[in-house]
Protein backbone atom coordinates (compact mmCIF):
# COMPACT_ATOMS: atom_id res chain seq x y z
CA UNK A 1 326.82 66.02 193.43
CA UNK A 2 329.02 69.11 193.33
CA UNK A 3 332.37 68.30 191.71
CA UNK A 4 335.42 70.56 191.45
CA UNK A 5 337.41 69.69 188.32
CA UNK A 6 340.98 70.91 187.98
CA UNK A 7 342.22 71.02 184.40
CA UNK A 8 338.85 71.32 182.67
CA UNK A 9 340.44 72.94 179.62
CA UNK A 10 342.41 69.80 178.73
CA UNK A 11 341.38 66.88 176.56
CA UNK A 12 340.68 64.54 179.47
CA UNK A 13 339.23 67.17 181.79
CA UNK A 14 336.75 68.38 179.19
CA UNK A 15 335.48 64.85 178.62
CA UNK A 16 335.10 64.17 182.34
CA UNK A 17 333.14 67.43 182.65
CA UNK A 18 330.88 66.41 179.75
CA UNK A 19 330.17 63.02 181.35
CA UNK A 20 329.45 64.48 184.78
CA UNK A 21 327.19 67.21 183.41
CA UNK A 22 325.28 64.69 181.30
CA UNK A 23 324.58 62.77 184.51
CA UNK A 24 323.14 65.85 186.19
CA UNK A 25 326.04 66.76 188.45
CA UNK A 26 327.17 70.34 189.06
CA UNK A 27 330.77 70.97 187.99
CA UNK A 28 333.12 73.80 188.94
CA UNK A 29 335.74 73.81 186.21
CA UNK A 30 339.09 75.26 187.28
CA UNK A 31 341.99 76.04 184.96
CA UNK A 32 344.64 78.69 184.44
CA UNK A 33 342.92 79.74 181.21
CA UNK A 34 339.17 79.20 180.81
CA UNK A 35 338.56 81.43 177.78
CA UNK A 36 338.23 78.48 175.42
CA UNK A 37 335.88 76.43 177.62
CA UNK A 38 332.26 76.47 176.48
CA UNK A 39 329.69 77.56 179.03
CA UNK A 40 327.07 74.89 179.73
CA UNK A 41 324.19 74.40 182.12
CA UNK A 42 325.50 73.12 185.45
CA UNK A 43 329.05 74.32 184.79
CA UNK A 44 330.74 77.12 186.73
CA UNK A 45 334.15 78.25 185.48
CA UNK A 46 336.93 79.62 187.67
CA UNK A 47 340.36 80.83 186.52
CA UNK A 48 343.06 79.98 189.05
CA UNK A 49 346.67 78.97 189.46
CA UNK A 50 346.69 75.49 190.98
CA UNK A 51 350.23 75.86 192.35
CA UNK A 52 349.05 77.60 195.53
CA UNK A 53 347.09 75.62 198.11
CA UNK A 54 345.98 78.87 199.78
CA UNK A 55 344.55 80.18 196.50
CA UNK A 56 343.02 76.87 195.51
CA UNK A 57 341.32 75.85 198.76
CA UNK A 58 338.57 78.53 198.70
CA UNK A 59 337.55 77.41 195.19
CA UNK A 60 337.26 73.79 196.32
CA UNK A 61 335.26 74.48 199.47
CA UNK A 62 331.66 73.17 199.46
CA UNK A 63 332.24 70.41 196.89
CA UNK A 64 331.66 66.69 197.38
CA UNK A 65 334.83 65.69 195.52
CA UNK A 66 337.83 67.15 193.71
CA UNK A 67 339.03 65.67 190.42
CA UNK A 68 342.49 66.59 189.17
CA UNK A 69 342.92 66.20 185.41
CA UNK A 70 346.11 68.26 185.28
CA UNK A 71 349.44 67.22 183.87
CA UNK A 72 351.93 66.03 186.46
CA UNK A 73 354.81 68.11 185.11
CA UNK A 74 353.90 71.75 185.44
CA UNK A 75 350.66 71.05 187.32
CA UNK A 76 350.06 71.16 191.04
CA UNK A 77 352.23 68.75 192.98
CA UNK A 78 350.87 66.17 195.41
CA UNK A 79 351.49 68.29 198.49
CA UNK A 80 349.53 71.21 197.03
CA UNK A 81 346.62 69.06 195.88
CA UNK A 82 346.37 67.26 199.21
CA UNK A 83 346.76 70.43 201.29
CA UNK A 84 344.17 72.37 199.26
CA UNK A 85 341.63 69.54 199.34
CA UNK A 86 342.05 69.03 203.08
CA UNK A 87 341.95 72.76 203.85
CA UNK A 88 338.73 73.06 201.85
CA UNK A 89 337.14 70.25 203.84
CA UNK A 90 336.43 68.19 200.72
CA UNK A 91 336.37 64.49 201.63
CA UNK A 92 337.58 62.98 198.34
CA UNK A 93 340.35 63.58 195.81
CA UNK A 94 340.37 61.69 192.52
CA UNK A 95 343.36 61.95 190.17
CA UNK A 96 343.62 61.28 186.45
CA UNK A 97 346.69 59.07 186.58
CA UNK A 98 349.15 57.82 184.02
CA UNK A 99 349.89 54.37 182.64
CA UNK A 100 353.65 54.55 183.17
CA UNK A 101 353.49 53.42 186.80
CA UNK A 102 351.35 50.37 186.00
CA UNK A 103 353.13 47.04 186.34
CA UNK A 104 353.89 44.79 183.36
CA UNK A 105 355.34 42.19 185.75
CA UNK A 106 355.51 42.07 189.55
CA UNK A 107 357.65 45.02 190.65
CA UNK A 108 358.34 46.22 187.09
CA UNK A 109 356.62 49.38 185.88
CA UNK A 110 355.74 50.06 182.25
CA UNK A 111 357.94 53.18 182.26
CA UNK A 112 360.97 51.03 183.10
CA UNK A 113 360.63 48.87 179.99
CA UNK A 114 362.86 49.48 176.93
CA UNK A 115 359.79 50.20 174.79
CA UNK A 116 358.58 53.12 176.88
CA UNK A 117 359.23 56.37 174.95
CA UNK A 118 362.02 58.43 176.47
CA UNK A 119 360.12 61.66 175.83
CA UNK A 120 357.25 60.54 178.08
CA UNK A 121 359.39 59.43 181.03
CA UNK A 122 359.55 62.76 182.93
CA UNK A 123 355.75 63.04 182.97
CA UNK A 124 355.36 59.36 183.88
CA UNK A 125 357.86 59.60 186.73
CA UNK A 126 356.16 62.73 188.07
CA UNK A 127 352.89 60.78 188.07
CA UNK A 128 354.57 57.93 189.93
CA UNK A 129 355.79 60.39 192.57
CA UNK A 130 352.26 61.77 193.02
CA UNK A 131 350.85 58.26 193.41
CA UNK A 132 353.39 57.41 196.10
CA UNK A 133 352.56 60.64 197.92
CA UNK A 134 348.89 59.71 197.91
CA UNK A 135 349.71 56.27 199.24
CA UNK A 136 351.50 57.92 202.15
CA UNK A 137 348.54 60.22 202.90
CA UNK A 138 346.78 59.09 206.07
CA UNK A 139 343.66 61.27 206.26
CA UNK A 140 342.33 62.05 202.79
CA UNK A 141 340.14 59.60 200.85
CA UNK A 142 341.86 59.43 197.44
CA UNK A 143 341.61 57.46 194.19
CA UNK A 144 344.16 57.38 191.36
CA UNK A 145 342.74 56.14 188.04
CA UNK A 146 345.36 55.06 185.50
CA UNK A 147 344.36 54.70 181.85
CA UNK A 148 345.69 52.00 179.56
CA UNK A 149 348.95 52.66 177.68
CA UNK A 150 347.28 54.23 174.63
CA UNK A 151 344.96 56.97 175.85
CA UNK A 152 343.32 58.89 173.03
CA UNK A 153 340.06 60.60 172.04
CA UNK A 154 337.64 58.11 170.57
CA UNK A 155 334.28 56.46 170.97
CA UNK A 156 332.09 56.33 174.06
CA UNK A 157 331.20 52.63 174.18
CA UNK A 158 330.56 52.04 177.88
CA UNK A 159 332.27 48.66 177.57
CA UNK A 160 335.66 48.25 179.22
CA UNK A 161 337.47 46.35 181.97
CA UNK A 162 338.92 47.58 185.24
CA UNK A 163 341.98 46.28 187.04
CA UNK A 164 344.40 47.10 189.85
CA UNK A 165 348.10 47.91 189.54
CA UNK A 166 348.74 45.81 186.44
CA UNK A 167 348.61 47.06 182.85
CA UNK A 168 345.49 45.82 181.04
CA UNK A 169 345.88 44.47 177.49
CA UNK A 170 343.41 42.98 175.04
CA UNK A 171 343.70 39.58 173.35
CA UNK A 172 346.17 40.96 170.79
CA UNK A 173 348.38 42.52 173.46
CA UNK A 174 347.18 46.08 172.80
CA UNK A 175 346.64 48.31 175.83
CA UNK A 176 344.23 51.15 175.12
CA UNK A 177 341.18 53.10 176.25
CA UNK A 178 339.32 56.06 174.78
CA UNK A 179 339.13 59.25 176.80
CA UNK A 180 335.36 59.03 176.55
CA UNK A 181 335.20 55.60 178.18
CA UNK A 182 337.79 56.67 180.74
CA UNK A 183 335.45 59.53 181.69
CA UNK A 184 332.69 56.98 182.29
CA UNK A 185 334.95 55.02 184.66
CA UNK A 186 335.86 58.19 186.54
CA UNK A 187 332.23 59.28 186.85
CA UNK A 188 331.23 55.80 188.02
CA UNK A 189 333.88 55.93 190.74
CA UNK A 190 332.69 59.34 191.88
CA UNK A 191 329.08 58.16 192.11
CA UNK A 192 329.74 54.73 193.61
CA UNK A 193 333.22 54.53 195.17
CA UNK A 194 334.86 51.11 194.89
CA UNK A 195 338.54 52.10 195.06
CA UNK A 196 338.94 54.20 198.20
CA UNK A 197 342.62 54.93 198.89
CA UNK A 198 343.60 52.82 195.89
CA UNK A 199 344.93 53.07 192.36
CA UNK A 200 342.94 51.24 189.70
CA UNK A 201 343.10 51.12 185.92
CA UNK A 202 340.73 50.87 182.98
CA UNK A 203 341.21 49.39 179.50
CA UNK A 204 339.61 47.27 176.80
């Protein structure tokens, strides 16, 4: 498949690119600054500002799917992502989501709990806004993949669980996933869609 990946220079985006390339897919990596991204077989790099749908759409055209691994604050907003993907004629948009909007109880999001760090709330709320915009989108086939609460570089194990809108925790109550295993879940969803027009989550 031909995948356009926004935010390839970031920690999550780089790992998703590595997973997709290892599976034989062609990846167009798009970021504001691509100088630090290593060239690899199957990877095409494009420098672009993702805040303009008109500038972004031509770079997305001809791909089978778009993956956004950008931050919510400071990255392209939902309207820009949706408009650029639709204008490019790409049928699918997959978004690296956040854990803050996951529910810890019916109707209660993780970001609304007392334990959620205040410093992370603006980014989490921006992610929640993007998710709601996707849920209101009537034409585009989208998927929003939320990681577990602790989302860090680590080991690629290939062993994890998936869920829906609820926060996943292990037997000790810990909620976590490595970026490497998250990349597997994202690549699996690209290859064999199971969560069309849905949010899902991944954790141990």
